[in-house]
Amino acid sequence: MQLDPDQMVDVIKRLRRAEGQIRGVVAMLESGRDCEDVVTQLAAVSSAIDRAGFKIISTGLRQCVVEAAEGTTPTVDLDRLERLFLALA
């Protein structure tokens, strides 16, 4: 499944933010921060990564719907897309 790079700008920003959050979690652990603070940040990182994955899948679905409406052969394999979605669930 090839996705339009222009549509992935938001996903890339989200993942870069998560990357920074992960560096922050590592720094928190190294400095001995309270476990509640660390887990709170880990939950935020996990949510950001999940949302990035779902955004990728929703973009693939949108692409499939547009192609079907235009009468072109879908470039997205729906069974494969379903497996990816379930991998995130």
C-alpha atoms as a PDB file:
ATOM      1  CA  MET A   1       0.000   0.000   0.000  1.00  0.00           C
ATOM      2  CA  GLN A   2       1.616   3.221  -1.162  1.00  0.00           C
ATOM      3  CA  LEU A   3       0.398   6.360   0.577  1.00  0.00           C
ATOM      4  CA  ASP A   4       0.703   9.918  -0.640  1.00  0.00           C
ATOM      5  CA  PRO A   5       3.667  11.485   1.227  1.00  0.00           C
ATOM      6  CA  ASP A   6       1.767  14.778   1.434  1.00  0.00           C
ATOM      7  CA  GLN A   7      -0.927  13.045   3.468  1.00  0.00           C
ATOM      8  CA  MET A   8       1.668  11.677   5.887  1.00  0.00           C
ATOM      9  CA  VAL A   9       2.906  15.083   7.079  1.00  0.00           C
ATOM     10  CA  ASP A  10       0.659  14.963  10.167  1.00  0.00           C
ATOM     11  CA  VAL A  11       1.756  11.403  10.964  1.00  0.00           C
ATOM     12  CA  ILE A  12       5.422  12.349  10.689  1.00  0.00           C
ATOM     13  CA  LYS A  13       4.918  15.343  13.003  1.00  0.00           C
ATOM     14  CA  ARG A  14       3.100  13.141  15.512  1.00  0.00           C
ATOM     15  CA  LEU A  15       5.875  10.540  15.452  1.00  0.00           C
ATOM     16  CA  ARG A  16       8.611  13.161  15.840  1.00  0.00           C
ATOM     17  CA  ARG A  17       6.741  14.506  18.881  1.00  0.00           C
ATOM     18  CA  ALA A  18       6.506  10.949  20.275  1.00  0.00           C
ATOM     19  CA  GLU A  19      10.231  10.528  19.642  1.00  0.00           C
ATOM     20  CA  GLY A  20      10.873  13.592  21.797  1.00  0.00           C
ATOM     21  CA  GLN A  21       8.542  12.272  24.477  1.00  0.00           C
ATOM     22  CA  ILE A  22      10.431   8.972  24.552  1.00  0.00           C
ATOM     23  CA  ARG A  23      13.724  10.834  25.013  1.00  0.00           C
ATOM     24  CA  GLY A  24      12.018  12.695  27.853  1.00  0.00           C
ATOM     25  CA  VAL A  25      10.898   9.432  29.474  1.00  0.00           C
ATOM     26  CA  VAL A  26      14.441   8.073  29.304  1.00  0.00           C
ATOM     27  CA  ALA A  27      15.732  11.262  30.924  1.00  0.00           C
ATOM     28  CA  MET A  28      13.062  10.972  33.617  1.00  0.00           C
ATOM     29  CA  LEU A  29      14.149   7.424  34.393  1.00  0.00           C
ATOM     30  CA  GLU A  30      17.824   8.380  34.451  1.00  0.00           C
ATOM     31  CA  SER A  31      17.125  11.227  36.871  1.00  0.00           C
ATOM     32  CA  GLY A  32      15.043   9.026  39.178  1.00  0.00           C
ATOM     33  CA  ARG A  33      11.666  10.700  38.626  1.00  0.00           C
ATOM     34  CA  ASP A  34       8.551   9.374  40.315  1.00  0.00           C
ATOM     35  CA  CYS A  35       7.090   6.286  38.637  1.00  0.00           C
ATOM     36  CA  GLU A  36       3.657   7.921  38.309  1.00  0.00           C
ATOM     37  CA  ASP A  37       5.155  10.742  36.230  1.00  0.00           C
ATOM     38  CA  VAL A  38       7.038   8.252  34.052  1.00  0.00           C
ATOM     39  CA  VAL A  39       3.990   6.069  33.450  1.00  0.00           C
ATOM     40  CA  THR A  40       1.878   9.128  32.624  1.00  0.00           C
ATOM     41  CA  GLN A  41       4.387  10.124  29.954  1.00  0.00           C
ATOM     42  CA  LEU A  42       4.585   6.553  28.646  1.00  0.00           C
ATOM     43  CA  ALA A  43       0.802   6.524  28.271  1.00  0.00           C
ATOM     44  CA  ALA A  44       0.988   9.770  26.286  1.00  0.00           C
ATOM     45  CA  VAL A  45       3.666   8.308  23.992  1.00  0.00           C
ATOM     46  CA  SER A  46       1.669   5.134  23.494  1.00  0.00           C
ATOM     47  CA  SER A  47      -1.423   7.131  22.575  1.00  0.00           C
ATOM     48  CA  ALA A  48       0.515   9.266  20.096  1.00  0.00           C
ATOM     49  CA  ILE A  49       1.960   6.204  18.376  1.00  0.00           C
ATOM     50  CA  ASP A  50      -1.443   4.489  18.237  1.00  0.00           C
ATOM     51  CA  ARG A  51      -3.005   7.585  16.708  1.00  0.00           C
ATOM     52  CA  ALA A  52      -0.268   7.725  14.077  1.00  0.00           C
ATOM     53  CA  GLY A  53      -0.969   4.110  13.124  1.00  0.00           C
ATOM     54  CA  PHE A  54      -4.709   4.681  12.908  1.00  0.00           C
ATOM     55  CA  LYS A  55      -4.126   7.810  10.821  1.00  0.00           C
ATOM     56  CA  ILE A  56      -2.104   5.754   8.342  1.00  0.00           C
ATOM     57  CA  ILE A  57      -4.882   3.168   8.126  1.00  0.00           C
ATOM     58  CA  SER A  58      -7.608   5.800   7.759  1.00  0.00           C
ATOM     59  CA  THR A  59      -5.619   7.407   4.940  1.00  0.00           C
ATOM     60  CA  GLY A  60      -5.475   4.035   3.192  1.00  0.00           C
ATOM     61  CA  LEU A  61      -9.223   3.596   3.623  1.00  0.00           C
ATOM     62  CA  ARG A  62      -9.901   7.062   2.276  1.00  0.00           C
ATOM     63  CA  GLN A  63      -7.673   6.340  -0.703  1.00  0.00           C
ATOM     64  CA  CYS A  64      -9.624   3.145  -1.366  1.00  0.00           C
ATOM     65  CA  VAL A  65     -12.989   4.951  -1.210  1.00  0.00           C
ATOM     66  CA  VAL A  66     -11.822   7.695  -3.556  1.00  0.00           C
ATOM     67  CA  GLU A  67     -10.487   5.161  -6.060  1.00  0.00           C
ATOM     68  CA  ALA A  68     -13.751   3.218  -5.949  1.00  0.00           C
ATOM     69  CA  ALA A  69     -15.759   6.414  -6.493  1.00  0.00           C
ATOM     70  CA  GLU A  70     -13.574   7.301  -9.467  1.00  0.00           C
ATOM     71  CA  GLY A  71     -14.066   3.837 -10.912  1.00  0.00           C
ATOM     72  CA  THR A  72     -10.369   2.981 -10.836  1.00  0.00           C
ATOM     73  CA  THR A  73      -8.918  -0.254  -9.573  1.00  0.00           C
ATOM     74  CA  PRO A  74      -8.139   0.123  -5.852  1.00  0.00           C
ATOM     75  CA  THR A  75      -4.431   0.088  -5.064  1.00  0.00           C
ATOM     76  CA  VAL A  76      -5.193  -0.869  -1.467  1.00  0.00           C
ATOM     77  CA  ASP A  77      -5.694  -4.510  -0.531  1.00  0.00           C
ATOM     78  CA  LEU A  78      -8.625  -4.386   1.907  1.00  0.00           C
ATOM     79  CA  ASP A  79      -7.758  -7.709   3.575  1.00  0.00           C
ATOM     80  CA  ARG A  80      -4.241  -6.475   4.216  1.00  0.00           C
ATOM     81  CA  LEU A  81      -5.563  -3.159   5.510  1.00  0.00           C
ATOM     82  CA  GLU A  82      -7.901  -5.015   7.862  1.00  0.00           C
ATOM     83  CA  ARG A  83      -5.007  -7.080   9.241  1.00  0.00           C
ATOM     84  CA  LEU A  84      -3.022  -3.878   9.854  1.00  0.00           C
ATOM     85  CA  PHE A  85      -5.983  -2.321  11.640  1.00  0.00           C
ATOM     86  CA  LEU A  86      -6.427  -5.354  13.857  1.00  0.00           C
ATOM     87  CA  ALA A  87      -2.714  -5.368  14.645  1.00  0.00           C
ATOM     88  CA  LEU A  88      -3.197  -1.941  16.248  1.00  0.00           C
ATOM     89  CA  ALA A  89      -6.408  -2.810  18.093  1.00  0.00           C
END
